[in-house]
């Protein structure tokens, strides 16, 4: 009887542990899998691969981040993305990059990357980098002014922002451990969703009058 009970306990433990053992991204099975962005085949967590004979010889190189973006935007910043949609060679490799340029006083507003941890380096200027912990941390704000050559780390899923506190233009380059990190801009998501979040929901959540909510919705009706 004791043996049977022990065996049963081991089997139950294995059933509970199996998801944690098996639920992981597989390792690549080829050197390169250049994304076929126009492919019609079913894709699961990635894109199908182009035949290597059709991939060309430039999929390992990109000059897109060499040029600064246009910071004449409402936020005074420009994000140049280099994920799998912009650089198909990153498909299945679990990496991507962004460049962000800032006018004086420009901001990369509070946002979240739901699928990636981020590490970045300030290339020029002075940026206030802020990271907000989860409720577990008491929503603590971690922030520091960083200058050229200094780096920062943002754990996956935490809200963060950057703000140019200097008198000159600033820029940074960040990398992600995902080919498609995704982004959730907090103000745009809350006030510019499609269809809109019902105003009574937001007045209750934000503890403000309906007029304030409608004003903020009007600011994001056209996106960023």
N, C-alpha and C. Protein backbone atom coordinates (compact mmCIF):
# COMPACT_ATOMS: atom_id res chain seq x y z
N UNK A 1 0.83 -1.21 0.00
CA UNK A 1 0.00 0.00 0.00
C UNK A 1 0.86 1.25 0.00
N UNK A 2 1.92 1.25 0.82
CA UNK A 2 2.79 2.42 0.88
C UNK A 2 3.44 2.70 -0.47
N UNK A 3 3.83 1.60 -1.16
CA UNK A 3 4.45 1.76 -2.49
C UNK A 3 3.46 2.38 -3.46
N UNK A 4 2.21 1.91 -3.44
CA UNK A 4 1.19 2.44 -4.35
C UNK A 4 0.94 3.91 -4.09
N UNK A 5 0.90 4.28 -2.82
CA UNK A 5 0.67 5.68 -2.48
C UNK A 5 1.84 6.54 -2.94
N UNK A 6 3.05 6.02 -2.78
CA UNK A 6 4.23 6.77 -3.21
C UNK A 6 4.23 6.95 -4.73
N UNK A 7 3.90 5.88 -5.43
CA UNK A 7 3.85 5.94 -6.89
C UNK A 7 2.81 6.94 -7.36
N UNK A 8 1.64 6.91 -6.72
CA UNK A 8 0.57 7.84 -7.08
C UNK A 8 1.01 9.29 -6.85
N UNK A 9 1.68 9.52 -5.72
CA UNK A 9 2.16 10.87 -5.41
C UNK A 9 3.17 11.34 -6.44
N UNK A 10 4.05 10.44 -6.88
CA UNK A 10 5.05 10.80 -7.90
C UNK A 10 4.39 11.14 -9.22
N UNK A 11 3.38 10.36 -9.61
CA UNK A 11 2.68 10.61 -10.87
C UNK A 11 1.97 11.95 -10.83
N UNK A 12 1.33 12.26 -9.71
CA UNK A 12 0.64 13.55 -9.57
C UNK A 12 1.63 14.70 -9.66
N UNK A 13 2.78 14.55 -8.99
CA UNK A 13 3.81 15.59 -9.04
C UNK A 13 4.30 15.81 -10.46
N UNK A 14 4.48 14.70 -11.20
CA UNK A 14 4.94 14.81 -12.58
C UNK A 14 3.93 15.54 -13.45
N UNK A 15 2.65 15.30 -13.21
CA UNK A 15 1.61 15.97 -13.99
C UNK A 15 1.64 17.47 -13.75
N UNK A 16 1.87 17.87 -12.50
CA UNK A 16 1.92 19.29 -12.19
C UNK A 16 3.19 19.96 -12.71
N UNK A 17 4.29 19.19 -12.70
CA UNK A 17 5.56 19.75 -13.13
C UNK A 17 5.72 19.75 -14.64
N UNK A 18 4.99 18.91 -15.34
CA UNK A 18 5.16 18.78 -16.79
C UNK A 18 5.03 20.09 -17.54
N UNK A 19 4.00 20.94 -17.25
CA UNK A 19 3.91 22.20 -17.99
C UNK A 19 5.14 23.08 -17.82
N UNK A 20 5.70 23.12 -16.60
CA UNK A 20 6.87 23.98 -16.38
C UNK A 20 8.11 23.42 -17.06
N UNK A 21 8.14 22.09 -17.25
CA UNK A 21 9.29 21.47 -17.91
C UNK A 21 9.20 21.62 -19.42
N UNK A 22 7.98 21.46 -19.96
CA UNK A 22 7.80 21.41 -21.40
C UNK A 22 7.46 22.76 -22.01
N UNK A 23 6.89 23.70 -21.23
CA UNK A 23 6.43 24.97 -21.78
C UNK A 23 7.59 25.93 -21.95
N UNK A 24 8.29 25.80 -23.06
CA UNK A 24 9.42 26.68 -23.35
C UNK A 24 9.58 26.80 -24.84
N UNK A 25 10.15 27.91 -25.30
CA UNK A 25 10.38 28.08 -26.73
C UNK A 25 11.40 27.06 -27.20
N UNK A 26 11.17 26.45 -28.34
CA UNK A 26 12.15 25.49 -28.85
C UNK A 26 13.39 26.21 -29.36
N UNK A 27 14.51 25.52 -29.32
CA UNK A 27 15.72 26.07 -29.92
C UNK A 27 15.59 26.05 -31.44
N UNK A 28 16.25 27.01 -32.13
CA UNK A 28 16.21 26.99 -33.59
C UNK A 28 16.76 25.68 -34.14
N UNK A 29 16.17 25.25 -35.23
CA UNK A 29 16.62 24.00 -35.86
C UNK A 29 17.37 24.26 -37.16
N UNK A 30 17.68 25.53 -37.42
CA UNK A 30 18.46 25.88 -38.60
C UNK A 30 19.26 27.13 -38.29
N UNK A 31 20.24 27.45 -39.11
CA UNK A 31 21.06 28.64 -38.89
C UNK A 31 20.20 29.90 -38.98
N UNK A 32 19.40 30.00 -40.02
CA UNK A 32 18.59 31.18 -40.27
C UNK A 32 17.20 30.78 -40.72
N UNK A 33 16.23 31.59 -40.33
CA UNK A 33 14.85 31.41 -40.79
C UNK A 33 14.33 32.78 -41.16
N UNK A 34 14.71 33.27 -42.34
CA UNK A 34 14.32 34.61 -42.77
C UNK A 34 12.81 34.64 -42.96
N UNK A 35 12.15 35.57 -42.30
CA UNK A 35 10.69 35.59 -42.29
C UNK A 35 10.10 35.85 -43.66
N UNK A 36 9.15 35.03 -44.04
CA UNK A 36 8.37 35.25 -45.25
C UNK A 36 7.15 36.06 -44.84
N UNK A 37 7.28 37.40 -44.85
CA UNK A 37 6.22 38.27 -44.35
C UNK A 37 4.97 38.21 -45.21
N UNK A 38 5.11 37.77 -46.45
CA UNK A 38 3.96 37.65 -47.36
C UNK A 38 3.44 36.23 -47.45
N UNK A 39 3.99 35.36 -46.64
CA UNK A 39 3.60 33.96 -46.71
C UNK A 39 2.16 33.75 -46.26
N UNK A 40 1.49 32.82 -46.89
CA UNK A 40 0.08 32.54 -46.57
C UNK A 40 -0.06 31.34 -45.63
N UNK A 41 1.04 30.69 -45.35
CA UNK A 41 0.96 29.50 -44.49
C UNK A 41 0.62 29.91 -43.05
N UNK A 42 0.06 28.98 -42.32
CA UNK A 42 -0.29 29.23 -40.92
C UNK A 42 0.99 29.42 -40.13
N UNK A 43 1.02 30.46 -39.28
CA UNK A 43 2.19 30.70 -38.44
C UNK A 43 1.80 30.63 -36.98
N UNK A 44 2.65 30.11 -36.15
CA UNK A 44 2.43 30.03 -34.72
C UNK A 44 3.64 30.63 -34.04
N UNK A 45 3.44 31.77 -33.35
CA UNK A 45 4.53 32.44 -32.66
C UNK A 45 5.72 32.71 -33.56
N UNK A 46 5.46 33.18 -34.74
CA UNK A 46 6.54 33.52 -35.66
C UNK A 46 6.06 33.42 -37.10
N UNK A 47 6.97 33.64 -38.01
CA UNK A 47 6.66 33.58 -39.43
C UNK A 47 7.30 32.34 -40.04
N UNK A 48 6.70 31.88 -41.12
CA UNK A 48 7.32 30.78 -41.86
C UNK A 48 8.60 31.27 -42.51
N UNK A 49 9.45 30.33 -42.88
CA UNK A 49 10.76 30.67 -43.43
C UNK A 49 10.72 30.76 -44.95
N UNK A 50 11.42 31.73 -45.48
CA UNK A 50 11.67 31.76 -46.92
C UNK A 50 12.68 30.68 -47.28
N UNK A 51 12.57 30.12 -48.46
CA UNK A 51 13.68 29.27 -48.92
C UNK A 51 14.97 30.08 -48.95
N UNK A 52 16.06 29.52 -48.50
CA UNK A 52 17.31 30.27 -48.43
C UNK A 52 17.73 30.79 -49.81
N UNK A 53 17.32 30.11 -50.85
CA UNK A 53 17.67 30.58 -52.20
C UNK A 53 16.97 31.88 -52.55
N UNK A 54 15.89 32.23 -51.81
CA UNK A 54 15.14 33.45 -52.07
C UNK A 54 15.42 34.54 -51.02
N UNK A 55 16.28 34.23 -50.05
CA UNK A 55 16.48 35.16 -48.94
C UNK A 55 17.44 36.30 -49.28
N UNK A 56 18.18 36.17 -50.38
CA UNK A 56 19.17 37.19 -50.68
C UNK A 56 20.37 37.05 -49.79
N UNK A 57 21.22 38.10 -49.76
CA UNK A 57 22.42 38.03 -48.93
C UNK A 57 22.52 39.20 -47.96
N UNK A 58 21.39 39.90 -47.76
CA UNK A 58 21.44 41.10 -46.93
C UNK A 58 20.62 40.96 -45.65
N UNK A 59 20.08 39.78 -45.36
CA UNK A 59 19.17 39.66 -44.23
C UNK A 59 19.86 39.76 -42.89
N UNK A 60 21.19 39.66 -42.86
CA UNK A 60 21.94 39.77 -41.61
C UNK A 60 22.36 41.21 -41.31
N UNK A 61 22.06 42.14 -42.20
CA UNK A 61 22.55 43.51 -42.06
C UNK A 61 21.40 44.51 -42.23
N UNK A 62 21.46 45.61 -41.48
CA UNK A 62 20.46 46.66 -41.61
C UNK A 62 21.09 48.00 -41.26
N UNK A 63 20.71 49.03 -41.98
CA UNK A 63 21.20 50.38 -41.69
C UNK A 63 20.07 51.28 -41.20
N UNK A 64 18.92 50.68 -40.87
CA UNK A 64 17.75 51.48 -40.54
C UNK A 64 17.95 52.35 -39.30
N UNK A 65 18.71 51.86 -38.32
CA UNK A 65 18.89 52.63 -37.09
C UNK A 65 19.98 53.69 -37.21
N UNK A 66 20.62 53.78 -38.37
CA UNK A 66 21.70 54.75 -38.54
C UNK A 66 21.17 56.18 -38.67
N UNK A 67 19.90 56.32 -39.02
CA UNK A 67 19.33 57.63 -39.27
C UNK A 67 18.35 58.01 -38.17
N UNK A 68 18.46 59.25 -37.68
CA UNK A 68 17.56 59.73 -36.63
C UNK A 68 16.14 59.88 -37.17
N UNK A 69 15.17 59.63 -36.30
CA UNK A 69 13.77 59.80 -36.67
C UNK A 69 13.33 61.25 -36.55
N UNK A 70 12.18 61.55 -37.10
CA UNK A 70 11.62 62.90 -37.07
C UNK A 70 10.91 63.13 -35.74
N UNK A 71 11.45 64.01 -34.92
CA UNK A 71 10.89 64.24 -33.58
C UNK A 71 9.81 65.32 -33.56
N UNK A 72 9.37 65.76 -34.73
CA UNK A 72 8.28 66.75 -34.79
C UNK A 72 6.94 66.05 -34.61
N UNK A 73 6.74 65.50 -33.44
CA UNK A 73 5.53 64.77 -33.10
C UNK A 73 4.95 65.37 -31.82
N UNK A 74 3.69 65.05 -31.49
CA UNK A 74 3.12 65.57 -30.24
C UNK A 74 3.94 65.23 -28.99
N UNK A 75 4.62 64.06 -29.03
CA UNK A 75 5.44 63.67 -27.87
C UNK A 75 6.86 64.21 -27.94
N UNK A 76 7.24 64.78 -29.09
CA UNK A 76 8.61 65.25 -29.24
C UNK A 76 9.61 64.12 -29.31
N UNK A 77 9.18 62.96 -29.81
CA UNK A 77 10.07 61.81 -29.91
C UNK A 77 9.72 61.00 -31.14
N UNK A 78 10.64 60.15 -31.57
CA UNK A 78 10.43 59.29 -32.72
C UNK A 78 11.04 57.93 -32.44
N UNK A 79 10.24 56.88 -32.62
CA UNK A 79 10.69 55.51 -32.41
C UNK A 79 10.93 54.86 -33.77
N UNK A 80 12.14 54.38 -33.99
CA UNK A 80 12.47 53.62 -35.19
C UNK A 80 12.58 52.16 -34.79
N UNK A 81 11.64 51.36 -35.26
CA UNK A 81 11.58 49.95 -34.85
C UNK A 81 12.41 49.07 -35.78
N UNK A 82 12.96 48.03 -35.19
CA UNK A 82 13.71 47.05 -35.96
C UNK A 82 13.36 45.66 -35.44
N UNK A 83 12.05 45.35 -35.51
CA UNK A 83 11.59 44.03 -35.12
C UNK A 83 11.49 43.15 -36.36
N UNK A 84 10.85 42.01 -36.22
CA UNK A 84 10.83 41.06 -37.33
C UNK A 84 10.12 41.62 -38.56
N UNK A 85 9.15 42.50 -38.36
CA UNK A 85 8.45 43.08 -39.50
C UNK A 85 9.35 44.00 -40.31
N UNK A 86 10.35 44.60 -39.65
CA UNK A 86 11.27 45.51 -40.33
C UNK A 86 12.58 44.82 -40.71
N UNK A 87 12.89 43.73 -40.04
CA UNK A 87 14.14 43.01 -40.28
C UNK A 87 13.85 41.51 -40.23
N UNK A 88 13.37 40.94 -41.33
CA UNK A 88 12.92 39.55 -41.33
C UNK A 88 13.98 38.55 -40.90
N UNK A 89 15.24 38.93 -40.95
CA UNK A 89 16.30 38.02 -40.53
C UNK A 89 16.26 37.68 -39.06
N UNK A 90 15.54 38.48 -38.25
CA UNK A 90 15.47 38.19 -36.80
C UNK A 90 14.48 37.08 -36.48
N UNK A 91 13.73 36.63 -37.47
CA UNK A 91 12.70 35.61 -37.23
C UNK A 91 13.27 34.39 -36.53
N UNK A 92 12.63 33.98 -35.45
CA UNK A 92 12.96 32.82 -34.59
C UNK A 92 14.19 33.01 -33.73
N UNK A 93 14.87 34.16 -33.82
CA UNK A 93 16.12 34.34 -33.07
C UNK A 93 15.91 35.00 -31.70
N UNK A 94 14.73 35.53 -31.46
CA UNK A 94 14.44 36.08 -30.14
C UNK A 94 15.14 37.38 -29.83
N UNK A 95 15.44 38.20 -30.85
CA UNK A 95 16.09 39.49 -30.63
C UNK A 95 15.48 40.54 -31.55
N UNK A 96 15.53 41.80 -31.11
CA UNK A 96 15.15 42.94 -31.94
C UNK A 96 15.69 44.20 -31.28
N UNK A 97 15.59 45.32 -31.98
CA UNK A 97 16.13 46.59 -31.48
C UNK A 97 15.21 47.74 -31.86
N UNK A 98 15.32 48.83 -31.11
CA UNK A 98 14.67 50.10 -31.45
C UNK A 98 15.67 51.23 -31.26
N UNK A 99 15.46 52.29 -32.02
CA UNK A 99 16.14 53.56 -31.76
C UNK A 99 15.07 54.59 -31.43
N UNK A 100 15.33 55.40 -30.40
CA UNK A 100 14.39 56.46 -30.04
C UNK A 100 15.15 57.78 -29.99
N UNK A 101 14.64 58.77 -30.73
CA UNK A 101 15.22 60.11 -30.75
C UNK A 101 14.28 61.08 -30.06
N UNK A 102 14.86 62.05 -29.36
CA UNK A 102 14.09 62.99 -28.56
C UNK A 102 14.48 64.43 -28.89
N UNK A 103 13.48 65.28 -29.11
CA UNK A 103 13.71 66.71 -29.12
C UNK A 103 13.88 67.17 -27.67
N UNK A 104 14.43 68.36 -27.43
CA UNK A 104 14.48 68.87 -26.06
C UNK A 104 13.08 68.87 -25.44
N UNK A 105 12.94 68.29 -24.27
CA UNK A 105 11.63 68.19 -23.64
C UNK A 105 10.78 67.06 -24.18
N UNK A 106 11.30 66.27 -25.10
CA UNK A 106 10.54 65.18 -25.69
C UNK A 106 10.40 64.00 -24.74
N UNK A 107 9.34 63.22 -24.96
CA UNK A 107 9.04 62.10 -24.07
C UNK A 107 8.68 60.85 -24.87
N UNK A 108 9.13 59.72 -24.38
CA UNK A 108 8.63 58.42 -24.82
C UNK A 108 7.66 58.01 -23.72
N UNK A 109 6.36 58.21 -23.92
CA UNK A 109 5.40 58.17 -22.82
C UNK A 109 5.30 56.80 -22.17
N UNK A 110 4.68 56.73 -20.98
CA UNK A 110 4.58 55.46 -20.27
C UNK A 110 4.02 54.35 -21.16
N UNK A 111 4.75 53.22 -21.17
CA UNK A 111 4.35 52.11 -22.02
C UNK A 111 4.87 50.80 -21.45
N UNK A 112 4.42 49.70 -22.05
CA UNK A 112 4.76 48.35 -21.60
C UNK A 112 5.12 47.51 -22.82
N UNK A 113 6.11 46.65 -22.67
CA UNK A 113 6.39 45.64 -23.69
C UNK A 113 5.94 44.29 -23.12
N UNK A 114 4.82 43.77 -23.62
CA UNK A 114 4.26 42.56 -23.00
C UNK A 114 5.04 41.29 -23.24
N UNK A 115 5.95 41.29 -24.22
CA UNK A 115 6.61 40.04 -24.58
C UNK A 115 8.12 40.08 -24.46
N UNK A 116 8.69 41.10 -23.79
CA UNK A 116 10.15 41.17 -23.80
C UNK A 116 10.70 41.99 -22.63
N UNK A 117 11.87 41.57 -22.18
CA UNK A 117 12.71 42.40 -21.32
C UNK A 117 13.52 43.32 -22.23
N UNK A 118 13.83 44.50 -21.74
CA UNK A 118 14.51 45.53 -22.54
C UNK A 118 15.80 45.96 -21.87
N UNK A 119 16.84 46.16 -22.66
CA UNK A 119 18.08 46.75 -22.16
C UNK A 119 18.47 47.84 -23.14
N UNK A 120 18.90 48.99 -22.61
CA UNK A 120 19.16 50.12 -23.50
C UNK A 120 20.39 50.90 -23.10
N UNK A 121 20.86 51.70 -24.04
CA UNK A 121 22.00 52.57 -23.81
C UNK A 121 21.69 53.96 -24.36
N UNK A 122 21.99 54.97 -23.59
CA UNK A 122 21.83 56.36 -24.05
C UNK A 122 23.00 56.69 -24.96
N UNK A 123 22.69 57.15 -26.17
CA UNK A 123 23.73 57.46 -27.15
C UNK A 123 24.19 58.90 -27.05
N UNK A 124 23.26 59.81 -26.76
CA UNK A 124 23.63 61.22 -26.56
C UNK A 124 22.54 61.91 -25.77
N UNK A 125 22.92 63.01 -25.11
CA UNK A 125 21.96 63.77 -24.34
C UNK A 125 21.78 63.25 -22.93
N UNK A 126 20.70 63.72 -22.28
CA UNK A 126 20.38 63.34 -20.91
C UNK A 126 18.93 62.89 -20.86
N UNK A 127 18.71 61.66 -20.45
CA UNK A 127 17.37 61.11 -20.39
C UNK A 127 17.01 60.68 -18.97
N UNK A 128 15.84 61.13 -18.52
CA UNK A 128 15.27 60.60 -17.28
C UNK A 128 14.57 59.30 -17.64
N UNK A 129 15.06 58.20 -17.08
CA UNK A 129 14.46 56.89 -17.33
C UNK A 129 13.70 56.48 -16.08
N UNK A 130 12.41 56.17 -16.24
CA UNK A 130 11.58 55.77 -15.11
C UNK A 130 10.97 54.40 -15.32
N UNK A 131 10.98 53.59 -14.28
CA UNK A 131 10.41 52.24 -14.31
C UNK A 131 9.50 52.10 -13.10
N UNK A 132 8.26 51.67 -13.34
CA UNK A 132 7.29 51.54 -12.25
C UNK A 132 7.09 50.07 -11.93
N UNK A 133 7.34 49.72 -10.69
CA UNK A 133 7.15 48.34 -10.26
C UNK A 133 5.69 47.97 -10.18
N UNK A 134 5.41 46.70 -10.06
CA UNK A 134 4.04 46.21 -9.96
C UNK A 134 3.47 46.51 -8.57
N UNK A 135 2.22 46.11 -8.37
CA UNK A 135 1.58 46.31 -7.07
C UNK A 135 2.37 45.62 -5.96
N UNK A 136 3.06 44.53 -6.31
CA UNK A 136 3.87 43.82 -5.32
C UNK A 136 4.94 44.73 -4.71
N UNK A 137 5.43 45.70 -5.51
CA UNK A 137 6.47 46.61 -5.02
C UNK A 137 5.89 47.88 -4.44
N UNK A 138 4.54 47.95 -4.37
CA UNK A 138 3.91 49.18 -3.92
C UNK A 138 3.90 50.24 -5.00
N UNK A 139 3.93 49.79 -6.27
CA UNK A 139 3.97 50.72 -7.41
C UNK A 139 5.13 51.69 -7.31
N UNK A 140 6.25 51.20 -6.84
CA UNK A 140 7.41 52.06 -6.64
C UNK A 140 7.98 52.55 -7.97
N UNK A 141 8.32 53.83 -8.02
CA UNK A 141 8.98 54.41 -9.19
C UNK A 141 10.48 54.38 -9.00
N UNK A 142 11.17 53.73 -9.93
CA UNK A 142 12.64 53.73 -9.97
C UNK A 142 13.03 54.66 -11.11
N UNK A 143 13.82 55.68 -10.83
CA UNK A 143 14.16 56.63 -11.89
C UNK A 143 15.57 57.17 -11.71
N UNK A 144 16.16 57.53 -12.84
CA UNK A 144 17.52 58.09 -12.80
C UNK A 144 17.77 58.83 -14.10
N UNK A 145 18.51 59.93 -14.02
CA UNK A 145 18.94 60.65 -15.22
C UNK A 145 20.21 59.98 -15.73
N UNK A 146 20.15 59.52 -16.98
CA UNK A 146 21.28 58.84 -17.61
C UNK A 146 21.85 59.68 -18.73
N UNK A 147 23.16 59.56 -18.91
CA UNK A 147 23.87 60.32 -19.95
C UNK A 147 24.54 59.35 -20.92
N UNK A 148 25.13 59.91 -21.96
CA UNK A 148 25.70 59.09 -23.03
C UNK A 148 26.62 58.01 -22.47
N UNK A 149 26.40 56.78 -22.93
CA UNK A 149 27.20 55.65 -22.50
C UNK A 149 26.63 54.88 -21.32
N UNK A 150 25.61 55.43 -20.65
CA UNK A 150 25.02 54.76 -19.51
C UNK A 150 23.84 53.90 -19.96
N UNK A 151 23.57 52.87 -19.20
CA UNK A 151 22.61 51.85 -19.62
C UNK A 151 21.48 51.69 -18.60
N UNK A 152 20.41 51.03 -19.05
CA UNK A 152 19.28 50.75 -18.16
C UNK A 152 18.68 49.40 -18.54
N UNK A 153 17.93 48.84 -17.60
CA UNK A 153 17.31 47.53 -17.76
C UNK A 153 15.86 47.60 -17.32
N UNK A 154 14.95 47.07 -18.16
CA UNK A 154 13.53 47.11 -17.85
C UNK A 154 12.96 45.69 -17.94
N UNK A 155 12.56 45.12 -16.81
CA UNK A 155 12.00 43.77 -16.84
C UNK A 155 10.72 43.70 -17.67
N UNK A 156 10.50 42.56 -18.24
CA UNK A 156 9.34 42.33 -19.08
C UNK A 156 8.04 42.71 -18.36
N UNK A 157 7.19 43.46 -19.06
CA UNK A 157 5.85 43.75 -18.58
C UNK A 157 5.74 44.93 -17.63
N UNK A 158 6.86 45.55 -17.23
CA UNK A 158 6.77 46.70 -16.32
C UNK A 158 6.62 48.00 -17.12
N UNK A 159 5.79 48.90 -16.60
CA UNK A 159 5.59 50.19 -17.24
C UNK A 159 6.84 51.05 -17.09
N UNK A 160 7.18 51.80 -18.14
CA UNK A 160 8.38 52.64 -18.08
C UNK A 160 8.24 53.81 -19.05
N UNK A 161 9.16 54.75 -18.93
CA UNK A 161 9.14 55.93 -19.79
C UNK A 161 10.54 56.51 -19.85
N UNK A 162 10.76 57.38 -20.84
CA UNK A 162 11.99 58.17 -20.94
C UNK A 162 11.61 59.62 -21.26
N UNK A 163 12.35 60.55 -20.70
CA UNK A 163 12.05 61.97 -20.88
C UNK A 163 13.36 62.73 -21.03
N UNK A 164 13.45 63.56 -22.07
CA UNK A 164 14.67 64.33 -22.32
C UNK A 164 14.71 65.54 -21.39
N UNK A 165 15.58 65.48 -20.40
CA UNK A 165 15.69 66.57 -19.43
C UNK A 165 16.79 67.55 -19.81
N UNK A 166 17.50 67.28 -20.90
CA UNK A 166 18.58 68.16 -21.32
C UNK A 166 18.09 69.28 -22.23
N UNK A 167 19.01 70.14 -22.63
CA UNK A 167 18.69 71.28 -23.49
C UNK A 167 18.98 70.98 -24.96
N UNK A 168 19.48 69.79 -25.24
CA UNK A 168 19.81 69.42 -26.61
C UNK A 168 19.06 68.14 -26.98
N UNK A 169 19.17 67.73 -28.24
CA UNK A 169 18.55 66.49 -28.66
C UNK A 169 19.20 65.30 -27.93
N UNK A 170 18.44 64.24 -27.81
CA UNK A 170 18.94 63.03 -27.15
C UNK A 170 18.51 61.82 -27.97
N UNK A 171 19.22 60.71 -27.77
CA UNK A 171 18.85 59.47 -28.45
C UNK A 171 19.30 58.28 -27.63
N UNK A 172 18.63 57.17 -27.86
CA UNK A 172 19.00 55.91 -27.19
C UNK A 172 18.73 54.77 -28.15
N UNK A 173 19.40 53.65 -27.89
CA UNK A 173 19.16 52.41 -28.62
C UNK A 173 18.85 51.34 -27.59
N UNK A 174 17.80 50.57 -27.86
CA UNK A 174 17.40 49.52 -26.93
C UNK A 174 17.30 48.20 -27.68
N UNK A 175 17.48 47.11 -26.95
CA UNK A 175 17.34 45.78 -27.53
C UNK A 175 16.38 44.96 -26.67
N UNK A 176 15.78 43.95 -27.31
CA UNK A 176 14.76 43.12 -26.67
C UNK A 176 15.10 41.64 -26.87
N UNK A 177 14.64 40.82 -25.94
CA UNK A 177 14.83 39.38 -26.10
C UNK A 177 13.59 38.76 -26.76
N UNK A 178 13.12 39.42 -27.81
CA UNK A 178 11.98 38.94 -28.59
C UNK A 178 12.07 39.52 -29.99
N UNK A 179 11.67 38.75 -30.98
CA UNK A 179 11.63 39.28 -32.34
C UNK A 179 10.46 40.23 -32.53
N UNK A 180 9.49 40.19 -31.60
CA UNK A 180 8.30 41.03 -31.70
C UNK A 180 7.85 41.38 -30.28
N UNK A 181 8.52 42.35 -29.63
CA UNK A 181 8.25 42.63 -28.22
C UNK A 181 6.87 43.19 -27.95
N UNK A 182 6.27 43.83 -28.96
CA UNK A 182 4.97 44.45 -28.74
C UNK A 182 5.08 45.70 -27.90
N UNK A 183 4.07 46.55 -27.95
CA UNK A 183 4.07 47.77 -27.15
C UNK A 183 2.65 48.17 -26.81
N UNK A 184 2.44 48.58 -25.57
CA UNK A 184 1.17 49.09 -25.09
C UNK A 184 1.42 50.48 -24.55
N UNK A 185 1.08 51.52 -25.34
CA UNK A 185 1.20 52.89 -24.85
C UNK A 185 0.03 53.15 -23.91
N UNK A 186 0.31 53.47 -22.65
CA UNK A 186 -0.73 53.56 -21.64
C UNK A 186 -1.77 54.63 -21.97
N UNK A 187 -1.39 55.89 -22.24
CA UNK A 187 -2.42 56.89 -22.52
C UNK A 187 -3.24 56.57 -23.77
N UNK A 188 -2.57 56.08 -24.81
CA UNK A 188 -3.28 55.75 -26.04
C UNK A 188 -4.22 54.57 -25.83
N UNK A 189 -3.78 53.59 -25.05
CA UNK A 189 -4.61 52.42 -24.79
C UNK A 189 -5.84 52.79 -23.99
N UNK A 190 -5.68 53.63 -22.99
CA UNK A 190 -6.78 53.98 -22.11
C UNK A 190 -7.77 54.93 -22.79
N UNK A 191 -7.24 55.93 -23.50
CA UNK A 191 -8.12 56.96 -24.05
C UNK A 191 -8.32 56.89 -25.56
N UNK A 192 -7.63 55.99 -26.24
CA UNK A 192 -7.76 55.90 -27.68
C UNK A 192 -8.08 54.51 -28.18
N UNK A 193 -8.63 53.66 -27.31
CA UNK A 193 -8.94 52.29 -27.73
C UNK A 193 -10.06 52.30 -28.78
N UNK A 194 -10.13 51.21 -29.53
CA UNK A 194 -11.13 51.11 -30.60
C UNK A 194 -11.87 49.78 -30.48
N UNK A 195 -13.16 49.81 -30.10
CA UNK A 195 -13.98 50.97 -29.75
C UNK A 195 -13.57 51.54 -28.40
N UNK A 196 -14.03 52.75 -28.08
CA UNK A 196 -13.60 53.40 -26.84
C UNK A 196 -14.08 52.66 -25.59
N UNK A 197 -13.26 52.74 -24.55
CA UNK A 197 -13.71 52.26 -23.25
C UNK A 197 -14.87 53.13 -22.79
N UNK A 198 -15.97 52.56 -22.31
CA UNK A 198 -17.11 53.39 -21.89
C UNK A 198 -16.69 54.43 -20.86
N UNK A 199 -17.18 55.64 -21.05
CA UNK A 199 -16.80 56.75 -20.16
C UNK A 199 -17.10 56.46 -18.69
N UNK A 200 -18.25 55.85 -18.33
CA UNK A 200 -18.48 55.57 -16.91
C UNK A 200 -17.42 54.67 -16.29
N UNK A 201 -16.86 53.76 -17.09
CA UNK A 201 -15.79 52.90 -16.57
C UNK A 201 -14.58 53.74 -16.19
N UNK A 202 -14.23 54.70 -17.06
CA UNK A 202 -13.05 55.52 -16.80
C UNK A 202 -13.29 56.55 -15.71
N UNK A 203 -14.49 57.13 -15.64
CA UNK A 203 -14.75 58.10 -14.57
C UNK A 203 -14.63 57.42 -13.20
N UNK A 204 -15.09 56.17 -13.13
CA UNK A 204 -15.00 55.44 -11.86
C UNK A 204 -13.55 55.06 -11.56
N UNK A 205 -12.83 54.60 -12.58
CA UNK A 205 -11.46 54.14 -12.37
C UNK A 205 -10.52 55.30 -12.05
N UNK A 206 -10.71 56.44 -12.74
CA UNK A 206 -9.80 57.58 -12.58
C UNK A 206 -10.29 58.59 -11.55
N UNK A 207 -11.55 58.45 -11.11
CA UNK A 207 -12.13 59.33 -10.08
C UNK A 207 -12.15 60.77 -10.54
N UNK A 208 -12.60 60.97 -11.79
CA UNK A 208 -12.74 62.30 -12.36
C UNK A 208 -14.11 62.41 -13.02
N UNK A 209 -14.49 63.64 -13.41
CA UNK A 209 -15.77 63.85 -14.06
C UNK A 209 -15.74 63.36 -15.50
N UNK A 210 -16.91 63.12 -16.04
CA UNK A 210 -17.04 62.64 -17.41
C UNK A 210 -16.43 63.62 -18.40
N UNK A 211 -16.52 64.92 -18.12
CA UNK A 211 -15.97 65.93 -19.02
C UNK A 211 -14.47 65.79 -19.19
N UNK A 212 -13.79 65.43 -18.11
CA UNK A 212 -12.34 65.24 -18.18
C UNK A 212 -12.01 64.04 -19.05
N UNK A 213 -12.76 62.96 -18.88
CA UNK A 213 -12.54 61.76 -19.68
C UNK A 213 -12.78 62.03 -21.15
N UNK A 214 -13.87 62.73 -21.47
CA UNK A 214 -14.17 63.04 -22.87
C UNK A 214 -13.10 63.93 -23.48
N UNK A 215 -12.56 64.86 -22.70
CA UNK A 215 -11.49 65.73 -23.20
C UNK A 215 -10.27 64.89 -23.54
N UNK A 216 -9.89 63.98 -22.65
CA UNK A 216 -8.72 63.15 -22.89
C UNK A 216 -8.95 62.21 -24.07
N UNK A 217 -10.15 61.69 -24.21
CA UNK A 217 -10.45 60.85 -25.37
C UNK A 217 -10.27 61.63 -26.67
N UNK A 218 -10.67 62.88 -26.66
CA UNK A 218 -10.54 63.69 -27.88
C UNK A 218 -9.09 63.92 -28.25
N UNK A 219 -8.20 63.91 -27.26
CA UNK A 219 -6.78 64.14 -27.53
C UNK A 219 -6.14 62.95 -28.25
N UNK A 220 -6.72 61.75 -28.06
CA UNK A 220 -6.13 60.53 -28.62
C UNK A 220 -7.00 59.88 -29.67
N UNK A 221 -8.02 60.59 -30.13
CA UNK A 221 -8.93 60.01 -31.11
C UNK A 221 -8.22 59.64 -32.41
N UNK A 222 -7.18 60.39 -32.75
CA UNK A 222 -6.43 60.12 -33.98
C UNK A 222 -5.15 59.37 -33.74
N UNK A 223 -5.00 58.75 -32.56
CA UNK A 223 -3.77 58.05 -32.22
C UNK A 223 -2.74 59.03 -31.70
N UNK A 224 -1.46 58.65 -31.81
CA UNK A 224 -0.38 59.52 -31.36
C UNK A 224 -0.04 60.54 -32.43
